[in-house]
Amino acid sequence: MNGLIPLFFVYGLWFIGFILLFLLGWLVYDKRYKSKEGAESNKPSNGFVWTPEVFIDPKDGYTYRVYYNPRSGDREYIRER
């Protein structure tokens, strides 16, 4: 039994830490371009202005337009149809 406690601290805590990091990454992974209302929203929120910046997301292949809020400095990414 005494030999199991050091093994737990050497391997068990690393494993638990890895699982926690994996879950944290999965929860926040690639939500950069997703709007708060959902993927169907194709209108920017109030206060956001059109910018000429457009890009193609390499993950899903869709084209996104960037909208900018001059008051807060926030940016929104709206998928173009």
PDB file of N, CA and C in Angstrom:
ATOM      1  N   MET A   1       0.821  -1.194   0.000  1.00  0.00           N
ATOM      2  CA  MET A   1       0.000   0.000   0.000  1.00  0.00           C
ATOM      3  C   MET A   1       0.863   1.256   0.000  1.00  0.00           C
ATOM      4  N   ASN A   2       2.016   1.189   0.686  1.00  0.00           N
ATOM      5  CA  ASN A   2       2.884   2.367   0.745  1.00  0.00           C
ATOM      6  C   ASN A   2       3.457   2.705  -0.619  1.00  0.00           C
ATOM      7  N   GLY A   3       3.595   1.730  -1.485  1.00  0.00           N
ATOM      8  CA  GLY A   3       4.142   1.981  -2.809  1.00  0.00           C
ATOM      9  C   GLY A   3       3.140   2.630  -3.760  1.00  0.00           C
ATOM     10  N   LEU A   4       1.859   2.544  -3.455  1.00  0.00           N
ATOM     11  CA  LEU A   4       0.840   3.117  -4.335  1.00  0.00           C
ATOM     12  C   LEU A   4       0.702   4.634  -4.185  1.00  0.00           C
ATOM     13  N   ILE A   5       0.961   5.151  -3.002  1.00  0.00           N
ATOM     14  CA  ILE A   5       0.800   6.591  -2.782  1.00  0.00           C
ATOM     15  C   ILE A   5       1.792   7.394  -3.615  1.00  0.00           C
ATOM     16  N   PRO A   6       3.087   7.069  -3.635  1.00  0.00           N
ATOM     17  CA  PRO A   6       3.988   7.826  -4.505  1.00  0.00           C
ATOM     18  C   PRO A   6       3.645   7.658  -5.983  1.00  0.00           C
ATOM     19  N   LEU A   7       3.184   6.485  -6.390  1.00  0.00           N
ATOM     20  CA  LEU A   7       2.791   6.283  -7.780  1.00  0.00           C
ATOM     21  C   LEU A   7       1.610   7.173  -8.157  1.00  0.00           C
ATOM     22  N   PHE A   8       0.679   7.334  -7.214  1.00  0.00           N
ATOM     23  CA  PHE A   8      -0.449   8.207  -7.489  1.00  0.00           C
ATOM     24  C   PHE A   8       0.020   9.647  -7.703  1.00  0.00           C
ATOM     25  N   PHE A   9       0.918  10.119  -6.849  1.00  0.00           N
ATOM     26  CA  PHE A   9       1.390  11.495  -6.991  1.00  0.00           C
ATOM     27  C   PHE A   9       2.229  11.691  -8.244  1.00  0.00           C
ATOM     28  N   VAL A  10       2.932  10.670  -8.658  1.00  0.00           N
ATOM     29  CA  VAL A  10       3.757  10.799  -9.859  1.00  0.00           C
ATOM     30  C   VAL A  10       2.898  10.706 -11.116  1.00  0.00           C
ATOM     31  N   TYR A  11       2.038   9.726 -11.186  1.00  0.00           N
ATOM     32  CA  TYR A  11       1.262   9.495 -12.399  1.00  0.00           C
ATOM     33  C   TYR A  11      -0.181  10.005 -12.308  1.00  0.00           C
ATOM     34  N   GLY A  12      -0.804   9.816 -11.183  1.00  0.00           N
ATOM     35  CA  GLY A  12      -2.212  10.167 -11.037  1.00  0.00           C
ATOM     36  C   GLY A  12      -2.475  11.655 -11.154  1.00  0.00           C
ATOM     37  N   LEU A  13      -1.670  12.487 -10.496  1.00  0.00           N
ATOM     38  CA  LEU A  13      -1.888  13.928 -10.562  1.00  0.00           C
ATOM     39  C   LEU A  13      -1.613  14.459 -11.963  1.00  0.00           C
ATOM     40  N   TRP A  14      -0.615  13.914 -12.635  1.00  0.00           N
ATOM     41  CA  TRP A  14      -0.354  14.320 -14.022  1.00  0.00           C
ATOM     42  C   TRP A  14      -1.533  13.956 -14.913  1.00  0.00           C
ATOM     43  N   PHE A  15      -2.060  12.773 -14.708  1.00  0.00           N
ATOM     44  CA  PHE A  15      -3.195  12.327 -15.510  1.00  0.00           C
ATOM     45  C   PHE A  15      -4.424  13.194 -15.262  1.00  0.00           C
ATOM     46  N   ILE A  16      -4.716  13.480 -14.012  1.00  0.00           N
ATOM     47  CA  ILE A  16      -5.854  14.334 -13.670  1.00  0.00           C
ATOM     48  C   ILE A  16      -5.657  15.727 -14.248  1.00  0.00           C
ATOM     49  N   GLY A  17      -4.454  16.268 -14.159  1.00  0.00           N
ATOM     50  CA  GLY A  17      -4.162  17.582 -14.733  1.00  0.00           C
ATOM     51  C   GLY A  17      -4.342  17.593 -16.242  1.00  0.00           C
ATOM     52  N   PHE A  18      -3.903  16.543 -16.896  1.00  0.00           N
ATOM     53  CA  PHE A  18      -4.061  16.442 -18.340  1.00  0.00           C
ATOM     54  C   PHE A  18      -5.537  16.396 -18.730  1.00  0.00           C
ATOM     55  N   ILE A  19      -6.319  15.622 -18.005  1.00  0.00           N
ATOM     56  CA  ILE A  19      -7.750  15.525 -18.276  1.00  0.00           C
ATOM     57  C   ILE A  19      -8.424  16.879 -18.059  1.00  0.00           C
ATOM     58  N   LEU A  20      -8.073  17.595 -16.995  1.00  0.00           N
ATOM     59  CA  LEU A  20      -8.654  18.912 -16.744  1.00  0.00           C
ATOM     60  C   LEU A  20      -8.286  19.896 -17.851  1.00  0.00           C
ATOM     61  N   LEU A  21      -7.047  19.886 -18.302  1.00  0.00           N
ATOM     62  CA  LEU A  21      -6.647  20.761 -19.399  1.00  0.00           C
ATOM     63  C   LEU A  21      -7.370  20.397 -20.691  1.00  0.00           C
ATOM     64  N   PHE A  22      -7.534  19.127 -20.938  1.00  0.00           N
ATOM     65  CA  PHE A  22      -8.270  18.679 -22.116  1.00  0.00           C
ATOM     66  C   PHE A  22      -9.713  19.163 -22.080  1.00  0.00           C
ATOM     67  N   LEU A  23     -10.378  19.016 -20.950  1.00  0.00           N
ATOM     68  CA  LEU A  23     -11.766  19.454 -20.830  1.00  0.00           C
ATOM     69  C   LEU A  23     -11.881  20.966 -20.963  1.00  0.00           C
ATOM     70  N   LEU A  24     -10.974  21.699 -20.379  1.00  0.00           N
ATOM     71  CA  LEU A  24     -10.982  23.150 -20.498  1.00  0.00           C
ATOM     72  C   LEU A  24     -10.786  23.578 -21.948  1.00  0.00           C
ATOM     73  N   GLY A  25      -9.853  22.952 -22.628  1.00  0.00           N
ATOM     74  CA  GLY A  25      -9.628  23.256 -24.034  1.00  0.00           C
ATOM     75  C   GLY A  25     -10.819  22.917 -24.896  1.00  0.00           C
ATOM     76  N   TRP A  26     -11.475  21.820 -24.606  1.00  0.00           N
ATOM     77  CA  TRP A  26     -12.641  21.414 -25.376  1.00  0.00           C
ATOM     78  C   TRP A  26     -13.799  22.386 -25.181  1.00  0.00           C
ATOM     79  N   LEU A  27     -13.942  22.929 -23.982  1.00  0.00           N
ATOM     80  CA  LEU A  27     -15.036  23.851 -23.715  1.00  0.00           C
ATOM     81  C   LEU A  27     -14.866  25.191 -24.423  1.00  0.00           C
ATOM     82  N   VAL A  28     -13.635  25.638 -24.605  1.00  0.00           N
ATOM     83  CA  VAL A  28     -13.424  26.966 -25.187  1.00  0.00           C
ATOM     84  C   VAL A  28     -12.819  26.906 -26.580  1.00  0.00           C
ATOM     85  N   TYR A  29     -12.613  25.734 -27.137  1.00  0.00           N
ATOM     86  CA  TYR A  29     -11.926  25.594 -28.409  1.00  0.00           C
ATOM     87  C   TYR A  29     -12.694  26.218 -29.562  1.00  0.00           C
ATOM     88  N   ASP A  30     -12.038  27.055 -30.286  1.00  0.00           N
ATOM     89  CA  ASP A  30     -12.502  27.641 -31.541  1.00  0.00           C
ATOM     90  C   ASP A  30     -13.887  28.265 -31.463  1.00  0.00           C
ATOM     91  N   LYS A  31     -14.099  29.050 -30.442  1.00  0.00           N
ATOM     92  CA  LYS A  31     -15.323  29.830 -30.338  1.00  0.00           C
ATOM     93  C   LYS A  31     -15.039  31.274 -30.707  1.00  0.00           C
ATOM     94  N   ARG A  32     -13.941  31.485 -31.399  1.00  0.00           N
ATOM     95  CA  ARG A  32     -13.531  32.839 -31.742  1.00  0.00           C
ATOM     96  C   ARG A  32     -14.524  33.524 -32.647  1.00  0.00           C
ATOM     97  N   TYR A  33     -15.027  32.841 -33.642  1.00  0.00           N
ATOM     98  CA  TYR A  33     -15.870  33.469 -34.651  1.00  0.00           C
ATOM     99  C   TYR A  33     -17.341  33.189 -34.438  1.00  0.00           C
ATOM    100  N   LYS A  34     -17.683  32.558 -33.365  1.00  0.00           N
ATOM    101  CA  LYS A  34     -19.072  32.207 -33.124  1.00  0.00           C
ATOM    102  C   LYS A  34     -19.755  33.335 -32.366  1.00  0.00           C
ATOM    103  N   SER A  35     -20.919  33.739 -32.852  1.00  0.00           N
ATOM    104  CA  SER A  35     -21.646  34.819 -32.195  1.00  0.00           C
ATOM    105  C   SER A  35     -22.347  34.286 -30.951  1.00  0.00           C
ATOM    106  N   LYS A  36     -22.728  35.189 -30.085  1.00  0.00           N
ATOM    107  CA  LYS A  36     -23.404  34.793 -28.855  1.00  0.00           C
ATOM    108  C   LYS A  36     -24.827  34.325 -29.115  1.00  0.00           C
ATOM    109  N   GLU A  37     -25.451  34.812 -30.203  1.00  0.00           N
ATOM    110  CA  GLU A  37     -26.824  34.423 -30.498  1.00  0.00           C
ATOM    111  C   GLU A  37     -26.912  33.075 -31.185  1.00  0.00           C
ATOM    112  N   GLY A  38     -25.847  32.630 -31.778  1.00  0.00           N
ATOM    113  CA  GLY A  38     -25.856  31.362 -32.495  1.00  0.00           C
ATOM    114  C   GLY A  38     -25.336  31.551 -33.899  1.00  0.00           C
ATOM    115  N   ALA A  39     -25.167  30.464 -34.598  1.00  0.00           N
ATOM    116  CA  ALA A  39     -24.552  30.502 -35.920  1.00  0.00           C
ATOM    117  C   ALA A  39     -25.487  31.063 -36.986  1.00  0.00           C
ATOM    118  N   GLU A  40     -26.789  31.138 -36.713  1.00  0.00           N
ATOM    119  CA  GLU A  40     -27.729  31.589 -37.730  1.00  0.00           C
ATOM    120  C   GLU A  40     -27.779  33.113 -37.862  1.00  0.00           C
ATOM    121  N   SER A  41     -27.238  33.826 -36.897  1.00  0.00           N
ATOM    122  CA  SER A  41     -27.284  35.278 -36.938  1.00  0.00           C
ATOM    123  C   SER A  41     -26.329  35.798 -38.006  1.00  0.00           C
ATOM    124  N   ASN A  42     -26.864  36.569 -38.954  1.00  0.00           N
ATOM    125  CA  ASN A  42     -26.000  37.143 -39.975  1.00  0.00           C
ATOM    126  C   ASN A  42     -26.071  38.663 -39.954  1.00  0.00           C
ATOM    127  N   LYS A  43     -26.493  39.233 -38.829  1.00  0.00           N
ATOM    128  CA  LYS A  43     -26.501  40.675 -38.637  1.00  0.00           C
ATOM    129  C   LYS A  43     -25.633  41.009 -37.438  1.00  0.00           C
ATOM    130  N   PRO A  44     -24.846  42.064 -37.533  1.00  0.00           N
ATOM    131  CA  PRO A  44     -24.023  42.433 -36.380  1.00  0.00           C
ATOM    132  C   PRO A  44     -24.876  43.046 -35.271  1.00  0.00           C
ATOM    133  N   SER A  45     -24.349  43.043 -34.068  1.00  0.00           N
ATOM    134  CA  SER A  45     -25.038  43.648 -32.938  1.00  0.00           C
ATOM    135  C   SER A  45     -25.070  45.156 -33.103  1.00  0.00           C
ATOM    136  N   ASN A  46     -25.876  45.802 -32.285  1.00  0.00           N
ATOM    137  CA  ASN A  46     -25.970  47.257 -32.329  1.00  0.00           C
ATOM    138  C   ASN A  46     -24.626  47.891 -31.999  1.00  0.00           C
ATOM    139  N   GLY A  47     -24.280  48.930 -32.737  1.00  0.00           N
ATOM    140  CA  GLY A  47     -23.037  49.653 -32.497  1.00  0.00           C
ATOM    141  C   GLY A  47     -21.865  49.151 -33.321  1.00  0.00           C
ATOM    142  N   PHE A  48     -22.028  48.058 -34.039  1.00  0.00           N
ATOM    143  CA  PHE A  48     -20.952  47.510 -34.859  1.00  0.00           C
ATOM    144  C   PHE A  48     -21.066  48.065 -36.273  1.00  0.00           C
ATOM    145  N   VAL A  49     -19.924  48.451 -36.824  1.00  0.00           N
ATOM    146  CA  VAL A  49     -19.903  49.021 -38.172  1.00  0.00           C
ATOM    147  C   VAL A  49     -19.164  48.075 -39.112  1.00  0.00           C
ATOM    148  N   TRP A  50     -19.520  48.143 -40.374  1.00  0.00           N
ATOM    149  CA  TRP A  50     -18.940  47.333 -41.431  1.00  0.00           C
ATOM    150  C   TRP A  50     -17.473  47.696 -41.629  1.00  0.00           C
ATOM    151  N   THR A  51     -16.617  46.715 -41.879  1.00  0.00           N
ATOM    152  CA  THR A  51     -15.223  46.952 -42.253  1.00  0.00           C
ATOM    153  C   THR A  51     -14.954  46.220 -43.564  1.00  0.00           C
ATOM    154  N   PRO A  52     -13.950  46.637 -44.311  1.00  0.00           N
ATOM    155  CA  PRO A  52     -13.642  45.935 -45.568  1.00  0.00           C
ATOM    156  C   PRO A  52     -12.912  44.607 -45.348  1.00  0.00           C
ATOM    157  N   GLU A  53     -12.642  44.284 -44.095  1.00  0.00           N
ATOM    158  CA  GLU A  53     -11.872  43.061 -43.800  1.00  0.00           C
ATOM    159  C   GLU A  53     -12.749  41.818 -43.953  1.00  0.00           C
ATOM    160  N   VAL A  54     -12.290  40.879 -44.786  1.00  0.00           N
ATOM    161  CA  VAL A  54     -12.968  39.606 -45.030  1.00  0.00           C
ATOM    162  C   VAL A  54     -11.904  38.521 -45.003  1.00  0.00           C
ATOM    163  N   PHE A  55     -12.255  37.355 -44.481  1.00  0.00           N
ATOM    164  CA  PHE A  55     -11.302  36.244 -44.496  1.00  0.00           C
ATOM    165  C   PHE A  55     -12.049  34.926 -44.625  1.00  0.00           C
ATOM    166  N   ILE A  56     -11.332  33.915 -45.041  1.00  0.00           N
ATOM    167  CA  ILE A  56     -11.873  32.563 -45.142  1.00  0.00           C
ATOM    168  C   ILE A  56     -11.299  31.747 -44.001  1.00  0.00           C
ATOM    169  N   ASP A  57     -12.178  31.208 -43.188  1.00  0.00           N
ATOM    170  CA  ASP A  57     -11.749  30.396 -42.053  1.00  0.00           C
ATOM    171  C   ASP A  57     -11.238  29.057 -42.572  1.00  0.00           C
ATOM    172  N   PRO A  58      -9.995  28.693 -42.275  1.00  0.00           N
ATOM    173  CA  PRO A  58      -9.456  27.429 -42.795  1.00  0.00           C
ATOM    174  C   PRO A  58     -10.132  26.194 -42.195  1.00  0.00           C
ATOM    175  N   LYS A  59     -10.780  26.348 -41.046  1.00  0.00           N
ATOM    176  CA  LYS A  59     -11.404  25.195 -40.414  1.00  0.00           C
ATOM    177  C   LYS A  59     -12.693  24.781 -41.125  1.00  0.00           C
ATOM    178  N   ASP A  60     -13.561  25.768 -41.421  1.00  0.00           N
ATOM    179  CA  ASP A  60     -14.837  25.396 -42.025  1.00  0.00           C
ATOM    180  C   ASP A  60     -14.989  25.854 -43.469  1.00  0.00           C
ATOM    181  N   GLY A  61     -14.072  26.692 -43.965  1.00  0.00           N
ATOM    182  CA  GLY A  61     -14.100  27.113 -45.358  1.00  0.00           C
ATOM    183  C   GLY A  61     -15.080  28.229 -45.673  1.00  0.00           C
ATOM    184  N   TYR A  62     -15.760  28.757 -44.669  1.00  0.00           N
ATOM    185  CA  TYR A  62     -16.714  29.831 -44.886  1.00  0.00           C
ATOM    186  C   TYR A  62     -16.004  31.186 -44.888  1.00  0.00           C
ATOM    187  N   THR A  63     -16.630  32.150 -45.569  1.00  0.00           N
ATOM    188  CA  THR A  63     -16.116  33.511 -45.606  1.00  0.00           C
ATOM    189  C   THR A  63     -16.769  34.314 -44.484  1.00  0.00           C
ATOM    190  N   TYR A  64     -15.961  35.059 -43.743  1.00  0.00           N
ATOM    191  CA  TYR A  64     -16.444  35.867 -42.634  1.00  0.00           C
ATOM    192  C   TYR A  64     -16.146  37.331 -42.884  1.00  0.00           C
ATOM    193  N   ARG A  65     -17.093  38.185 -42.555  1.00  0.00           N
ATOM    194  CA  ARG A  65     -16.936  39.640 -42.610  1.00  0.00           C
ATOM    195  C   ARG A  65     -16.680  40.120 -41.188  1.00  0.00           C
ATOM    196  N   VAL A  66     -15.779  41.074 -41.044  1.00  0.00           N
ATOM    197  CA  VAL A  66     -15.444  41.606 -39.735  1.00  0.00           C
ATOM    198  C   VAL A  66     -16.205  42.908 -39.521  1.00  0.00           C
ATOM    199  N   TYR A  67     -16.865  43.004 -38.379  1.00  0.00           N
ATOM    200  CA  TYR A  67     -17.544  44.228 -37.956  1.00  0.00           C
ATOM    201  C   TYR A  67     -16.842  44.730 -36.703  1.00  0.00           C
ATOM    202  N   TYR A  68     -16.786  46.054 -36.564  1.00  0.00           N
ATOM    203  CA  TYR A  68     -16.005  46.679 -35.509  1.00  0.00           C
ATOM    204  C   TYR A  68     -16.881  47.629 -34.703  1.00  0.00           C
ATOM    205  N   ASN A  69     -16.721  47.611 -33.383  1.00  0.00           N
ATOM    206  CA  ASN A  69     -17.416  48.547 -32.513  1.00  0.00           C
ATOM    207  C   ASN A  69     -16.425  49.615 -32.084  1.00  0.00           C
ATOM    208  N   PRO A  70     -16.555  50.855 -32.592  1.00  0.00           N
ATOM    209  CA  PRO A  70     -15.586  51.886 -32.276  1.00  0.00           C
ATOM    210  C   PRO A  70     -15.594  52.307 -30.804  1.00  0.00           C
ATOM    211  N   ARG A  71     -16.690  52.109 -30.113  1.00  0.00           N
ATOM    212  CA  ARG A  71     -16.749  52.507 -28.700  1.00  0.00           C
ATOM    213  C   ARG A  71     -15.960  51.561 -27.807  1.00  0.00           C
ATOM    214  N   SER A  72     -16.100  50.274 -28.038  1.00  0.00           N
ATOM    215  CA  SER A  72     -15.458  49.296 -27.149  1.00  0.00           C
ATOM    216  C   SER A  72     -14.211  48.664 -27.746  1.00  0.00           C
ATOM    217  N   GLY A  73     -14.053  48.753 -29.082  1.00  0.00           N
ATOM    218  CA  GLY A  73     -12.922  48.103 -29.734  1.00  0.00           C
ATOM    219  C   GLY A  73     -13.166  46.633 -30.036  1.00  0.00           C
ATOM    220  N   ASP A  74     -14.350  46.125 -29.708  1.00  0.00           N
ATOM    221  CA  ASP A  74     -14.675  44.722 -29.971  1.00  0.00           C
ATOM    222  C   ASP A  74     -14.861  44.489 -31.464  1.00  0.00           C
ATOM    223  N   ARG A  75     -14.680  43.235 -31.841  1.00  0.00           N
ATOM    224  CA  ARG A  75     -14.872  42.826 -33.228  1.00  0.00           C
ATOM    225  C   ARG A  75     -15.852  41.666 -33.247  1.00  0.00           C
ATOM    226  N   GLU A  76     -16.672  41.627 -34.293  1.00  0.00           N
ATOM    227  CA  GLU A  76     -17.593  40.518 -34.511  1.00  0.00           C
ATOM    228  C   GLU A  76     -17.312  39.919 -35.872  1.00  0.00           C
ATOM    229  N   TYR A  77     -17.422  38.611 -35.957  1.00  0.00           N
ATOM    230  CA  TYR A  77     -17.181  37.898 -37.211  1.00  0.00           C
ATOM    231  C   TYR A  77     -18.490  37.268 -37.650  1.00  0.00           C
ATOM    232  N   ILE A  78     -19.031  37.762 -38.759  1.00  0.00           N
ATOM    233  CA  ILE A  78     -20.317  37.296 -39.265  1.00  0.00           C
ATOM    234  C   ILE A  78     -20.081  36.527 -40.559  1.00  0.00           C
ATOM    235  N   ARG A  79     -20.596  35.327 -40.610  1.00  0.00           N
ATOM    236  CA  ARG A  79     -20.432  34.500 -41.812  1.00  0.00           C
ATOM    237  C   ARG A  79     -21.269  35.078 -42.939  1.00  0.00           C
ATOM    238  N   GLU A  80     -20.657  35.215 -44.101  1.00  0.00           N
ATOM    239  CA  GLU A  80     -21.369  35.708 -45.266  1.00  0.00           C
ATOM    240  C   GLU A  80     -21.966  34.533 -46.029  1.00  0.00           C
ATOM    241  N   ARG A  81     -23.056  34.786 -46.680  1.00  0.00           N
ATOM    242  CA  ARG A  81     -23.740  33.727 -47.415  1.00  0.00           C
ATOM    243  C   ARG A  81     -23.324  33.727 -48.858  1.00  0.00           C
TER     244      ARG A  81
END
